[in-house]
mmCIF file of all heavy atoms, coordinates in Angstrom:
data_MODEL
# 
_entry.id   MODEL 
# 
loop_
_atom_site.group_PDB 
_atom_site.id 
_atom_site.type_symbol 
_atom_site.label_atom_id 
_atom_site.label_alt_id 
_atom_site.label_comp_id 
_atom_site.label_asym_id 
_atom_site.label_entity_id 
_atom_site.label_seq_id 
_atom_site.pdbx_PDB_ins_code 
_atom_site.Cartn_x 
_atom_site.Cartn_y 
_atom_site.Cartn_z 
_atom_site.occupancy 
_atom_site.B_iso_or_equiv 
_atom_site.pdbx_formal_charge 
_atom_site.auth_seq_id 
_atom_site.auth_comp_id 
_atom_site.auth_asym_id 
_atom_site.auth_atom_id 
_atom_site.pdbx_PDB_model_num 
ATOM 1   N N   . ARG A 1 1  ? 155.008 -9.820  185.982 1.00 0.00 ? 1  ARG A N   1 
ATOM 2   C CA  . ARG A 1 1  ? 154.250 -8.518  185.913 1.00 0.00 ? 1  ARG A CA  1 
ATOM 3   C C   . ARG A 1 1  ? 152.834 -8.700  186.478 1.00 0.00 ? 1  ARG A C   1 
ATOM 4   O O   . ARG A 1 1  ? 152.374 -7.844  187.205 1.00 0.00 ? 1  ARG A O   1 
ATOM 5   C CB  . ARG A 1 1  ? 154.209 -8.044  184.462 1.00 0.00 ? 1  ARG A CB  1 
ATOM 6   C CG  . ARG A 1 1  ? 155.516 -7.460  184.003 1.00 0.00 ? 1  ARG A CG  1 
ATOM 7   C CD  . ARG A 1 1  ? 155.407 -6.661  182.703 1.00 0.00 ? 1  ARG A CD  1 
ATOM 8   N NE  . ARG A 1 1  ? 154.937 -7.430  181.578 1.00 0.00 ? 1  ARG A NE  1 
ATOM 9   C CZ  . ARG A 1 1  ? 155.729 -8.130  180.795 1.00 0.00 ? 1  ARG A CZ  1 
ATOM 10  N NH1 . ARG A 1 1  ? 157.048 -8.141  181.008 1.00 0.00 ? 1  ARG A NH1 1 
ATOM 11  N NH2 . ARG A 1 1  ? 155.218 -8.814  179.766 1.00 0.00 ? 1  ARG A NH2 1 
ATOM 12  N N   . HIS A 1 2  ? 152.215 -9.806  186.144 1.00 0.00 ? 2  HIS A N   1 
ATOM 13  C CA  . HIS A 1 2  ? 150.865 -10.057 186.703 1.00 0.00 ? 2  HIS A CA  1 
ATOM 14  C C   . HIS A 1 2  ? 150.910 -10.201 188.223 1.00 0.00 ? 2  HIS A C   1 
ATOM 15  O O   . HIS A 1 2  ? 150.022 -9.689  188.926 1.00 0.00 ? 2  HIS A O   1 
ATOM 16  C CB  . HIS A 1 2  ? 150.195 -11.282 186.082 1.00 0.00 ? 2  HIS A CB  1 
ATOM 17  C CG  . HIS A 1 2  ? 149.738 -11.084 184.669 1.00 0.00 ? 2  HIS A CG  1 
ATOM 18  N ND1 . HIS A 1 2  ? 149.821 -12.050 183.725 1.00 0.00 ? 2  HIS A ND1 1 
ATOM 19  C CD2 . HIS A 1 2  ? 149.214 -9.995  184.044 1.00 0.00 ? 2  HIS A CD2 1 
ATOM 20  C CE1 . HIS A 1 2  ? 149.353 -11.579 182.587 1.00 0.00 ? 2  HIS A CE1 1 
ATOM 21  N NE2 . HIS A 1 2  ? 148.974 -10.350 182.750 1.00 0.00 ? 2  HIS A NE2 1 
ATOM 22  N N   . GLN A 1 3  ? 151.904 -10.916 188.696 1.00 0.00 ? 3  GLN A N   1 
ATOM 23  C CA  . GLN A 1 3  ? 152.001 -11.092 190.159 1.00 0.00 ? 3  GLN A CA  1 
ATOM 24  C C   . GLN A 1 3  ? 152.310 -9.791  190.852 1.00 0.00 ? 3  GLN A C   1 
ATOM 25  O O   . GLN A 1 3  ? 151.919 -9.554  192.028 1.00 0.00 ? 3  GLN A O   1 
ATOM 26  C CB  . GLN A 1 3  ? 153.029 -12.164 190.488 1.00 0.00 ? 3  GLN A CB  1 
ATOM 27  C CG  . GLN A 1 3  ? 152.584 -13.576 190.171 1.00 0.00 ? 3  GLN A CG  1 
ATOM 28  C CD  . GLN A 1 3  ? 151.296 -13.907 190.875 1.00 0.00 ? 3  GLN A CD  1 
ATOM 29  O OE1 . GLN A 1 3  ? 151.169 -13.823 192.071 1.00 0.00 ? 3  GLN A OE1 1 
ATOM 30  N NE2 . GLN A 1 3  ? 150.284 -14.300 190.091 1.00 0.00 ? 3  GLN A NE2 1 
ATOM 31  N N   . ALA A 1 4  ? 153.047 -8.891  190.183 1.00 0.00 ? 4  ALA A N   1 
ATOM 32  C CA  . ALA A 1 4  ? 153.345 -7.587  190.775 1.00 0.00 ? 4  ALA A CA  1 
ATOM 33  C C   . ALA A 1 4  ? 152.039 -6.811  191.010 1.00 0.00 ? 4  ALA A C   1 
ATOM 34  O O   . ALA A 1 4  ? 151.877 -6.089  191.999 1.00 0.00 ? 4  ALA A O   1 
ATOM 35  C CB  . ALA A 1 4  ? 154.292 -6.794  189.875 1.00 0.00 ? 4  ALA A CB  1 
ATOM 36  N N   . GLU A 1 5  ? 151.080 -6.989  190.087 1.00 0.00 ? 5  GLU A N   1 
ATOM 37  C CA  . GLU A 1 5  ? 149.774 -6.334  190.271 1.00 0.00 ? 5  GLU A CA  1 
ATOM 38  C C   . GLU A 1 5  ? 148.900 -7.075  191.287 1.00 0.00 ? 5  GLU A C   1 
ATOM 39  O O   . GLU A 1 5  ? 148.265 -6.437  192.092 1.00 0.00 ? 5  GLU A O   1 
ATOM 40  C CB  . GLU A 1 5  ? 148.989 -6.358  188.933 1.00 0.00 ? 5  GLU A CB  1 
ATOM 41  C CG  . GLU A 1 5  ? 149.669 -5.459  187.867 1.00 0.00 ? 5  GLU A CG  1 
ATOM 42  C CD  . GLU A 1 5  ? 148.965 -5.639  186.499 1.00 0.00 ? 5  GLU A CD  1 
ATOM 43  O OE1 . GLU A 1 5  ? 147.855 -6.234  186.416 1.00 0.00 ? 5  GLU A OE1 1 
ATOM 44  O OE2 . GLU A 1 5  ? 149.573 -5.175  185.526 1.00 0.00 ? 5  GLU A OE2 1 
ATOM 45  N N   . LEU A 1 6  ? 148.927 -8.406  191.272 1.00 0.00 ? 6  LEU A N   1 
ATOM 46  C CA  . LEU A 1 6  ? 148.081 -9.215  192.200 1.00 0.00 ? 6  LEU A CA  1 
ATOM 47  C C   . LEU A 1 6  ? 148.652 -9.275  193.614 1.00 0.00 ? 6  LEU A C   1 
ATOM 48  O O   . LEU A 1 6  ? 147.923 -9.297  194.569 1.00 0.00 ? 6  LEU A O   1 
ATOM 49  C CB  . LEU A 1 6  ? 147.911 -10.600 191.642 1.00 0.00 ? 6  LEU A CB  1 
ATOM 50  C CG  . LEU A 1 6  ? 147.158 -10.742 190.349 1.00 0.00 ? 6  LEU A CG  1 
ATOM 51  C CD1 . LEU A 1 6  ? 147.270 -12.170 189.814 1.00 0.00 ? 6  LEU A CD1 1 
ATOM 52  C CD2 . LEU A 1 6  ? 145.711 -10.341 190.509 1.00 0.00 ? 6  LEU A CD2 1 
ATOM 53  N N   . ASN A 1 7  ? 149.963 -9.345  193.715 1.00 0.00 ? 7  ASN A N   1 
ATOM 54  C CA  . ASN A 1 7  ? 150.629 -9.549  195.018 1.00 0.00 ? 7  ASN A CA  1 
ATOM 55  C C   . ASN A 1 7  ? 151.779 -8.536  195.180 1.00 0.00 ? 7  ASN A C   1 
ATOM 56  O O   . ASN A 1 7  ? 152.917 -8.966  195.290 1.00 0.00 ? 7  ASN A O   1 
ATOM 57  C CB  . ASN A 1 7  ? 151.151 -10.997 195.128 1.00 0.00 ? 7  ASN A CB  1 
ATOM 58  C CG  . ASN A 1 7  ? 150.027 -11.999 195.165 1.00 0.00 ? 7  ASN A CG  1 
ATOM 59  O OD1 . ASN A 1 7  ? 149.208 -11.966 196.022 1.00 0.00 ? 7  ASN A OD1 1 
ATOM 60  N ND2 . ASN A 1 7  ? 150.055 -12.876 194.182 1.00 0.00 ? 7  ASN A ND2 1 
ATOM 61  N N   . PRO A 1 8  ? 151.491 -7.262  195.226 1.00 0.00 ? 8  PRO A N   1 
ATOM 62  C CA  . PRO A 1 8  ? 152.594 -6.295  195.352 1.00 0.00 ? 8  PRO A CA  1 
ATOM 63  C C   . PRO A 1 8  ? 153.354 -6.373  196.622 1.00 0.00 ? 8  PRO A C   1 
ATOM 64  O O   . PRO A 1 8  ? 154.509 -5.963  196.683 1.00 0.00 ? 8  PRO A O   1 
ATOM 65  C CB  . PRO A 1 8  ? 151.876 -4.942  195.226 1.00 0.00 ? 8  PRO A CB  1 
ATOM 66  C CG  . PRO A 1 8  ? 150.437 -5.208  195.623 1.00 0.00 ? 8  PRO A CG  1 
ATOM 67  C CD  . PRO A 1 8  ? 150.170 -6.624  195.250 1.00 0.00 ? 8  PRO A CD  1 
ATOM 68  N N   . ARG A 1 9  ? 152.797 -7.062  197.620 1.00 0.00 ? 9  ARG A N   1 
ATOM 69  C CA  . ARG A 1 9  ? 153.501 -7.204  198.885 1.00 0.00 ? 9  ARG A CA  1 
ATOM 70  C C   . ARG A 1 9  ? 154.164 -8.574  198.991 1.00 0.00 ? 9  ARG A C   1 
ATOM 71  O O   . ARG A 1 9  ? 154.381 -9.056  200.140 1.00 0.00 ? 9  ARG A O   1 
ATOM 72  C CB  . ARG A 1 9  ? 152.528 -6.988  200.059 1.00 0.00 ? 9  ARG A CB  1 
ATOM 73  C CG  . ARG A 1 9  ? 152.004 -5.586  200.080 1.00 0.00 ? 9  ARG A CG  1 
ATOM 74  C CD  . ARG A 1 9  ? 151.217 -5.285  201.316 1.00 0.00 ? 9  ARG A CD  1 
ATOM 75  N NE  . ARG A 1 9  ? 150.779 -3.909  201.252 1.00 0.00 ? 9  ARG A NE  1 
ATOM 76  C CZ  . ARG A 1 9  ? 149.556 -3.519  201.516 1.00 0.00 ? 9  ARG A CZ  1 
ATOM 77  N NH1 . ARG A 1 9  ? 148.681 -4.407  201.944 1.00 0.00 ? 9  ARG A NH1 1 
ATOM 78  N NH2 . ARG A 1 9  ? 149.205 -2.270  201.441 1.00 0.00 ? 9  ARG A NH2 1 
ATOM 79  N N   . ALA A 1 10 ? 154.535 -9.136  197.884 1.00 0.00 ? 10 ALA A N   1 
ATOM 80  C CA  . ALA A 1 10 ? 155.257 -10.423 197.886 1.00 0.00 ? 10 ALA A CA  1 
ATOM 81  C C   . ALA A 1 10 ? 156.574 -10.226 197.140 1.00 0.00 ? 10 ALA A C   1 
ATOM 82  O O   . ALA A 1 10 ? 156.805 -10.844 196.074 1.00 0.00 ? 10 ALA A O   1 
ATOM 83  C CB  . ALA A 1 10 ? 154.385 -11.489 197.183 1.00 0.00 ? 10 ALA A CB  1 
ATOM 84  N N   . PRO A 1 11 ? 157.459 -9.392  197.716 1.00 0.00 ? 11 PRO A N   1 
ATOM 85  C CA  . PRO A 1 11 ? 158.734 -9.109  197.001 1.00 0.00 ? 11 PRO A CA  1 
ATOM 86  C C   . PRO A 1 11 ? 159.588 -10.328 196.776 1.00 0.00 ? 11 PRO A C   1 
ATOM 87  O O   . PRO A 1 11 ? 160.265 -10.419 195.770 1.00 0.00 ? 11 PRO A O   1 
ATOM 88  C CB  . PRO A 1 11 ? 159.403 -8.094  197.869 1.00 0.00 ? 11 PRO A CB  1 
ATOM 89  C CG  . PRO A 1 11 ? 158.819 -8.269  199.260 1.00 0.00 ? 11 PRO A CG  1 
ATOM 90  C CD  . PRO A 1 11 ? 157.407 -8.761  199.007 1.00 0.00 ? 11 PRO A CD  1 
ATOM 91  N N   . ARG A 1 12 ? 159.524 -11.278 197.679 1.00 0.00 ? 12 ARG A N   1 
ATOM 92  C CA  . ARG A 1 12 ? 160.332 -12.502 197.511 1.00 0.00 ? 12 ARG A CA  1 
ATOM 93  C C   . ARG A 1 12 ? 159.864 -13.279 196.292 1.00 0.00 ? 12 ARG A C   1 
ATOM 94  O O   . ARG A 1 12 ? 160.676 -13.761 195.480 1.00 0.00 ? 12 ARG A O   1 
ATOM 95  C CB  . ARG A 1 12 ? 160.318 -13.364 198.748 1.00 0.00 ? 12 ARG A CB  1 
ATOM 96  C CG  . ARG A 1 12 ? 161.149 -14.593 198.636 1.00 0.00 ? 12 ARG A CG  1 
ATOM 97  C CD  . ARG A 1 12 ? 161.197 -15.369 199.936 1.00 0.00 ? 12 ARG A CD  1 
ATOM 98  N NE  . ARG A 1 12 ? 161.847 -16.644 199.665 1.00 0.00 ? 12 ARG A NE  1 
ATOM 99  C CZ  . ARG A 1 12 ? 161.696 -17.699 200.422 1.00 0.00 ? 12 ARG A CZ  1 
ATOM 100 N NH1 . ARG A 1 12 ? 160.960 -17.646 201.514 1.00 0.00 ? 12 ARG A NH1 1 
ATOM 101 N NH2 . ARG A 1 12 ? 162.309 -18.802 200.122 1.00 0.00 ? 12 ARG A NH2 1 
ATOM 102 N N   . LEU A 1 13 ? 158.555 -13.466 196.136 1.00 0.00 ? 13 LEU A N   1 
ATOM 103 C CA  . LEU A 1 13 ? 158.004 -14.149 195.006 1.00 0.00 ? 13 LEU A CA  1 
ATOM 104 C C   . LEU A 1 13 ? 158.396 -13.429 193.705 1.00 0.00 ? 13 LEU A C   1 
ATOM 105 O O   . LEU A 1 13 ? 158.828 -14.048 192.734 1.00 0.00 ? 13 LEU A O   1 
ATOM 106 C CB  . LEU A 1 13 ? 156.485 -14.273 195.094 1.00 0.00 ? 13 LEU A CB  1 
ATOM 107 C CG  . LEU A 1 13 ? 155.768 -14.816 193.886 1.00 0.00 ? 13 LEU A CG  1 
ATOM 108 C CD1 . LEU A 1 13 ? 156.174 -16.290 193.639 1.00 0.00 ? 13 LEU A CD1 1 
ATOM 109 C CD2 . LEU A 1 13 ? 154.259 -14.699 194.034 1.00 0.00 ? 13 LEU A CD2 1 
ATOM 110 N N   . LEU A 1 14 ? 158.254 -12.110 193.683 1.00 0.00 ? 14 LEU A N   1 
ATOM 111 C CA  . LEU A 1 14 ? 158.582 -11.349 192.508 1.00 0.00 ? 14 LEU A CA  1 
ATOM 112 C C   . LEU A 1 14 ? 160.053 -11.474 192.124 1.00 0.00 ? 14 LEU A C   1 
ATOM 113 O O   . LEU A 1 14 ? 160.420 -11.635 190.967 1.00 0.00 ? 14 LEU A O   1 
ATOM 114 C CB  . LEU A 1 14 ? 158.191 -9.885  192.678 1.00 0.00 ? 14 LEU A CB  1 
ATOM 115 C CG  . LEU A 1 14 ? 156.690 -9.651  192.963 1.00 0.00 ? 14 LEU A CG  1 
ATOM 116 C CD1 . LEU A 1 14 ? 156.419 -8.156  193.224 1.00 0.00 ? 14 LEU A CD1 1 
ATOM 117 C CD2 . LEU A 1 14 ? 155.859 -10.140 191.800 1.00 0.00 ? 14 LEU A CD2 1 
ATOM 118 N N   . ARG A 1 15 ? 160.898 -11.440 193.163 1.00 0.00 ? 15 ARG A N   1 
ATOM 119 C CA  . ARG A 1 15 ? 162.364 -11.561 192.966 1.00 0.00 ? 15 ARG A CA  1 
ATOM 120 C C   . ARG A 1 15 ? 162.648 -12.995 192.405 1.00 0.00 ? 15 ARG A C   1 
ATOM 121 O O   . ARG A 1 15 ? 163.468 -13.129 191.499 1.00 0.00 ? 15 ARG A O   1 
ATOM 122 C CB  . ARG A 1 15 ? 163.089 -11.308 194.267 1.00 0.00 ? 15 ARG A CB  1 
ATOM 123 C CG  . ARG A 1 15 ? 164.531 -11.039 194.128 1.00 0.00 ? 15 ARG A CG  1 
ATOM 124 C CD  . ARG A 1 15 ? 165.171 -10.566 195.411 1.00 0.00 ? 15 ARG A CD  1 
ATOM 125 N NE  . ARG A 1 15 ? 164.741 -11.222 196.638 1.00 0.00 ? 15 ARG A NE  1 
ATOM 126 C CZ  . ARG A 1 15 ? 163.904 -10.701 197.557 1.00 0.00 ? 15 ARG A CZ  1 
ATOM 127 N NH1 . ARG A 1 15 ? 163.448 -9.481  197.417 1.00 0.00 ? 15 ARG A NH1 1 
ATOM 128 N NH2 . ARG A 1 15 ? 163.555 -11.404 198.641 1.00 0.00 ? 15 ARG A NH2 1 
ATOM 129 N N   . ARG A 1 16 ? 161.991 -13.979 192.959 1.00 0.00 ? 16 ARG A N   1 
ATOM 130 C CA  . ARG A 1 16 ? 162.256 -15.382 192.517 1.00 0.00 ? 16 ARG A CA  1 
ATOM 131 C C   . ARG A 1 16 ? 161.764 -15.586 191.072 1.00 0.00 ? 16 ARG A C   1 
ATOM 132 O O   . ARG A 1 16 ? 162.381 -16.306 190.304 1.00 0.00 ? 16 ARG A O   1 
ATOM 133 C CB  . ARG A 1 16 ? 161.616 -16.368 193.474 1.00 0.00 ? 16 ARG A CB  1 
ATOM 134 C CG  . ARG A 1 16 ? 162.396 -16.389 194.806 1.00 0.00 ? 16 ARG A CG  1 
ATOM 135 C CD  . ARG A 1 16 ? 161.828 -17.359 195.717 1.00 0.00 ? 16 ARG A CD  1 
ATOM 136 N NE  . ARG A 1 16 ? 162.344 -18.685 195.378 1.00 0.00 ? 16 ARG A NE  1 
ATOM 137 C CZ  . ARG A 1 16 ? 162.084 -19.778 196.074 1.00 0.00 ? 16 ARG A CZ  1 
ATOM 138 N NH1 . ARG A 1 16 ? 161.310 -19.704 197.137 1.00 0.00 ? 16 ARG A NH1 1 
ATOM 139 N NH2 . ARG A 1 16 ? 162.584 -20.916 195.688 1.00 0.00 ? 16 ARG A NH2 1 
ATOM 140 N N   . LEU A 1 17 ? 160.650 -14.962 190.684 1.00 0.00 ? 17 LEU A N   1 
ATOM 141 C CA  . LEU A 1 17 ? 160.174 -15.023 189.300 1.00 0.00 ? 17 LEU A CA  1 
ATOM 142 C C   . LEU A 1 17 ? 161.159 -14.351 188.364 1.00 0.00 ? 17 LEU A C   1 
ATOM 143 O O   . LEU A 1 17 ? 161.432 -14.845 187.276 1.00 0.00 ? 17 LEU A O   1 
ATOM 144 C CB  . LEU A 1 17 ? 158.784 -14.408 189.167 1.00 0.00 ? 17 LEU A CB  1 
ATOM 145 C CG  . LEU A 1 17 ? 157.653 -15.230 189.702 1.00 0.00 ? 17 LEU A CG  1 
ATOM 146 C CD1 . LEU A 1 17 ? 156.381 -14.400 189.873 1.00 0.00 ? 17 LEU A CD1 1 
ATOM 147 C CD2 . LEU A 1 17 ? 157.358 -16.441 188.810 1.00 0.00 ? 17 LEU A CD2 1 
ATOM 148 N N   . GLU A 1 18 ? 161.698 -13.246 188.798 1.00 0.00 ? 18 GLU A N   1 
ATOM 149 C CA  . GLU A 1 18 ? 162.742 -12.526 187.995 1.00 0.00 ? 18 GLU A CA  1 
ATOM 150 C C   . GLU A 1 18 ? 163.986 -13.423 187.871 1.00 0.00 ? 18 GLU A C   1 
ATOM 151 O O   . GLU A 1 18 ? 164.563 -13.563 186.780 1.00 0.00 ? 18 GLU A O   1 
ATOM 152 C CB  . GLU A 1 18 ? 163.105 -11.247 188.714 1.00 0.00 ? 18 GLU A CB  1 
ATOM 153 C CG  . GLU A 1 18 ? 163.441 -10.096 187.829 1.00 0.00 ? 18 GLU A CG  1 
ATOM 154 C CD  . GLU A 1 18 ? 163.575 -8.819  188.604 1.00 0.00 ? 18 GLU A CD  1 
ATOM 155 O OE1 . GLU A 1 18 ? 162.525 -8.258  189.040 1.00 0.00 ? 18 GLU A OE1 1 
ATOM 156 O OE2 . GLU A 1 18 ? 164.714 -8.417  188.839 1.00 0.00 ? 18 GLU A OE2 1 
ATOM 157 N N   . ASP A 1 19 ? 164.391 -14.011 188.971 1.00 0.00 ? 19 ASP A N   1 
ATOM 158 C CA  . ASP A 1 19 ? 165.533 -14.915 188.955 1.00 0.00 ? 19 ASP A CA  1 
ATOM 159 C C   . ASP A 1 19 ? 165.293 -16.109 188.020 1.00 0.00 ? 19 ASP A C   1 
ATOM 160 O O   . ASP A 1 19 ? 166.169 -16.500 187.275 1.00 0.00 ? 19 ASP A O   1 
ATOM 161 C CB  . ASP A 1 19 ? 165.858 -15.465 190.357 1.00 0.00 ? 19 ASP A CB  1 
ATOM 162 C CG  . ASP A 1 19 ? 166.404 -14.418 191.283 1.00 0.00 ? 19 ASP A CG  1 
ATOM 163 O OD1 . ASP A 1 19 ? 166.799 -13.313 190.829 1.00 0.00 ? 19 ASP A OD1 1 
ATOM 164 O OD2 . ASP A 1 19 ? 166.409 -14.660 192.513 1.00 0.00 ? 19 ASP A OD2 1 
ATOM 165 N N   . ALA A 1 20 ? 164.088 -16.652 188.079 1.00 0.00 ? 20 ALA A N   1 
ATOM 166 C CA  . ALA A 1 20 ? 163.727 -17.811 187.232 1.00 0.00 ? 20 ALA A CA  1 
ATOM 167 C C   . ALA A 1 20 ? 163.841 -17.467 185.737 1.00 0.00 ? 20 ALA A C   1 
ATOM 168 O O   . ALA A 1 20 ? 164.309 -18.289 184.962 1.00 0.00 ? 20 ALA A O   1 
ATOM 169 C CB  . ALA A 1 20 ? 162.357 -18.332 187.574 1.00 0.00 ? 20 ALA A CB  1 
ATOM 170 N N   . ALA A 1 21 ? 163.440 -16.254 185.390 1.00 0.00 ? 21 ALA A N   1 
ATOM 171 C CA  . ALA A 1 21 ? 163.532 -15.840 183.987 1.00 0.00 ? 21 ALA A CA  1 
ATOM 172 C C   . ALA A 1 21 ? 165.017 -15.793 183.563 1.00 0.00 ? 21 ALA A C   1 
ATOM 173 O O   . ALA A 1 21 ? 165.368 -16.223 182.482 1.00 0.00 ? 21 ALA A O   1 
ATOM 174 C CB  . ALA A 1 21 ? 162.861 -14.485 183.769 1.00 0.00 ? 21 ALA A CB  1 
ATOM 175 N N   . ARG A 1 22 ? 165.859 -15.203 184.453 1.00 0.00 ? 22 ARG A N   1 
ATOM 176 C CA  . ARG A 1 22 ? 167.303 -15.137 184.152 1.00 0.00 ? 22 ARG A CA  1 
ATOM 177 C C   . ARG A 1 22 ? 167.919 -16.552 184.092 1.00 0.00 ? 22 ARG A C   1 
ATOM 178 O O   . ARG A 1 22 ? 168.700 -16.816 183.224 1.00 0.00 ? 22 ARG A O   1 
ATOM 179 C CB  . ARG A 1 22 ? 168.023 -14.314 185.220 1.00 0.00 ? 22 ARG A CB  1 
ATOM 180 C CG  . ARG A 1 22 ? 168.039 -12.848 184.959 1.00 0.00 ? 22 ARG A CG  1 
ATOM 181 C CD  . ARG A 1 22 ? 169.026 -12.098 185.831 1.00 0.00 ? 22 ARG A CD  1 
ATOM 182 N NE  . ARG A 1 22 ? 168.865 -12.323 187.261 1.00 0.00 ? 22 ARG A NE  1 
ATOM 183 C CZ  . ARG A 1 22 ? 168.012 -11.643 187.992 1.00 0.00 ? 22 ARG A CZ  1 
ATOM 184 N NH1 . ARG A 1 22 ? 167.284 -10.670 187.495 1.00 0.00 ? 22 ARG A NH1 1 
ATOM 185 N NH2 . ARG A 1 22 ? 167.918 -11.899 189.278 1.00 0.00 ? 22 ARG A NH2 1 
ATOM 186 N N   . GLN A 1 23 ? 167.479 -17.418 184.963 1.00 0.00 ? 23 GLN A N   1 
ATOM 187 C CA  . GLN A 1 23 ? 167.995 -18.790 184.990 1.00 0.00 ? 23 GLN A CA  1 
ATOM 188 C C   . GLN A 1 23 ? 167.583 -19.541 183.739 1.00 0.00 ? 23 GLN A C   1 
ATOM 189 O O   . GLN A 1 23 ? 168.366 -20.308 183.169 1.00 0.00 ? 23 GLN A O   1 
ATOM 190 C CB  . GLN A 1 23 ? 167.512 -19.520 186.234 1.00 0.00 ? 23 GLN A CB  1 
ATOM 191 C CG  . GLN A 1 23 ? 168.136 -18.946 187.496 1.00 0.00 ? 23 GLN A CG  1 
ATOM 192 C CD  . GLN A 1 23 ? 167.409 -19.373 188.748 1.00 0.00 ? 23 GLN A CD  1 
ATOM 193 O OE1 . GLN A 1 23 ? 166.272 -19.886 188.723 1.00 0.00 ? 23 GLN A OE1 1 
ATOM 194 N NE2 . GLN A 1 23 ? 168.027 -19.145 189.922 1.00 0.00 ? 23 GLN A NE2 1 
ATOM 195 N N   . ALA A 1 24 ? 166.360 -19.348 183.250 1.00 0.00 ? 24 ALA A N   1 
ATOM 196 C CA  . ALA A 1 24 ? 165.887 -19.987 182.016 1.00 0.00 ? 24 ALA A CA  1 
ATOM 197 C C   . ALA A 1 24 ? 166.728 -19.474 180.844 1.00 0.00 ? 24 ALA A C   1 
ATOM 198 O O   . ALA A 1 24 ? 167.114 -20.269 179.981 1.00 0.00 ? 24 ALA A O   1 
ATOM 199 C CB  . ALA A 1 24 ? 164.433 -19.691 181.807 1.00 0.00 ? 24 ALA A CB  1 
ATOM 200 N N   . ARG A 1 25 ? 167.031 -18.190 180.830 1.00 0.00 ? 25 ARG A N   1 
ATOM 201 C CA  . ARG A 1 25 ? 167.880 -17.646 179.769 1.00 0.00 ? 25 ARG A CA  1 
ATOM 202 C C   . ARG A 1 25 ? 169.282 -18.252 179.843 1.00 0.00 ? 25 ARG A C   1 
ATOM 203 O O   . ARG A 1 25 ? 169.857 -18.633 178.802 1.00 0.00 ? 25 ARG A O   1 
ATOM 204 C CB  . ARG A 1 25 ? 167.916 -16.110 179.895 1.00 0.00 ? 25 ARG A CB  1 
ATOM 205 C CG  . ARG A 1 25 ? 168.590 -15.412 178.741 1.00 0.00 ? 25 ARG A CG  1 
ATOM 206 C CD  . ARG A 1 25 ? 168.472 -13.894 178.771 1.00 0.00 ? 25 ARG A CD  1 
ATOM 207 N NE  . ARG A 1 25 ? 168.597 -13.271 180.071 1.00 0.00 ? 25 ARG A NE  1 
ATOM 208 C CZ  . ARG A 1 25 ? 167.606 -12.708 180.752 1.00 0.00 ? 25 ARG A CZ  1 
ATOM 209 N NH1 . ARG A 1 25 ? 166.397 -12.693 180.261 1.00 0.00 ? 25 ARG A NH1 1 
ATOM 210 N NH2 . ARG A 1 25 ? 167.797 -12.133 181.930 1.00 0.00 ? 25 ARG A NH2 1 
ATOM 211 N N   . ALA A 1 26 ? 169.826 -18.408 181.036 1.00 0.00 ? 26 ALA A N   1 
ATOM 212 C CA  . ALA A 1 26 ? 171.190 -18.967 181.203 1.00 0.00 ? 26 ALA A CA  1 
ATOM 213 C C   . ALA A 1 26 ? 171.187 -20.432 180.774 1.00 0.00 ? 26 ALA A C   1 
ATOM 214 O O   . ALA A 1 26 ? 172.126 -20.888 180.122 1.00 0.00 ? 26 ALA A O   1 
ATOM 215 C CB  . ALA A 1 26 ? 171.640 -18.838 182.665 1.00 0.00 ? 26 ALA A CB  1 
ATOM 216 N N   . LEU A 1 27 ? 170.170 -21.177 181.168 1.00 0.00 ? 27 LEU A N   1 
ATOM 217 C CA  . LEU A 1 27 ? 170.127 -22.612 180.779 1.00 0.00 ? 27 LEU A CA  1 
ATOM 218 C C   . LEU A 1 27 ? 169.953 -22.707 179.259 1.00 0.00 ? 27 LEU A C   1 
ATOM 219 O O   . LEU A 1 27 ? 170.584 -23.575 178.650 1.00 0.00 ? 27 LEU A O   1 
ATOM 220 C CB  . LEU A 1 27 ? 169.026 -23.328 181.516 1.00 0.00 ? 27 LEU A CB  1 
ATOM 221 C CG  . LEU A 1 27 ? 168.887 -24.828 181.262 1.00 0.00 ? 27 LEU A CG  1 
ATOM 222 C CD1 . LEU A 1 27 ? 170.183 -25.544 181.540 1.00 0.00 ? 27 LEU A CD1 1 
ATOM 223 C CD2 . LEU A 1 27 ? 167.720 -25.416 182.068 1.00 0.00 ? 27 LEU A CD2 1 
ATOM 224 N N   . GLY A 1 28 ? 169.152 -21.851 178.676 1.00 0.00 ? 28 GLY A N   1 
ATOM 225 C CA  . GLY A 1 28 ? 168.998 -21.869 177.256 1.00 0.00 ? 28 GLY A CA  1 
ATOM 226 C C   . GLY A 1 28 ? 170.293 -21.598 176.513 1.00 0.00 ? 28 GLY A C   1 
ATOM 227 O O   . GLY A 1 28 ? 170.647 -22.264 175.540 1.00 0.00 ? 28 GLY A O   1 
ATOM 228 N N   . ALA A 1 29 ? 171.095 -20.649 177.052 1.00 0.00 ? 29 ALA A N   1 
ATOM 229 C CA  . ALA A 1 29 ? 172.406 -20.369 176.494 1.00 0.00 ? 29 ALA A CA  1 
ATOM 230 C C   . ALA A 1 29 ? 173.336 -21.581 176.644 1.00 0.00 ? 29 ALA A C   1 
ATOM 231 O O   . ALA A 1 29 ? 174.101 -21.883 175.727 1.00 0.00 ? 29 ALA A O   1 
ATOM 232 C CB  . ALA A 1 29 ? 172.996 -19.124 177.154 1.00 0.00 ? 29 ALA A CB  1 
# 
């Protein structure tokens, strides 16, 4: 969310941060 405000033109970074959150949830499971 912070990066979306700071770097709105970095869709790849935002997508990878979203993926990382999902991956952390999957690894936790």
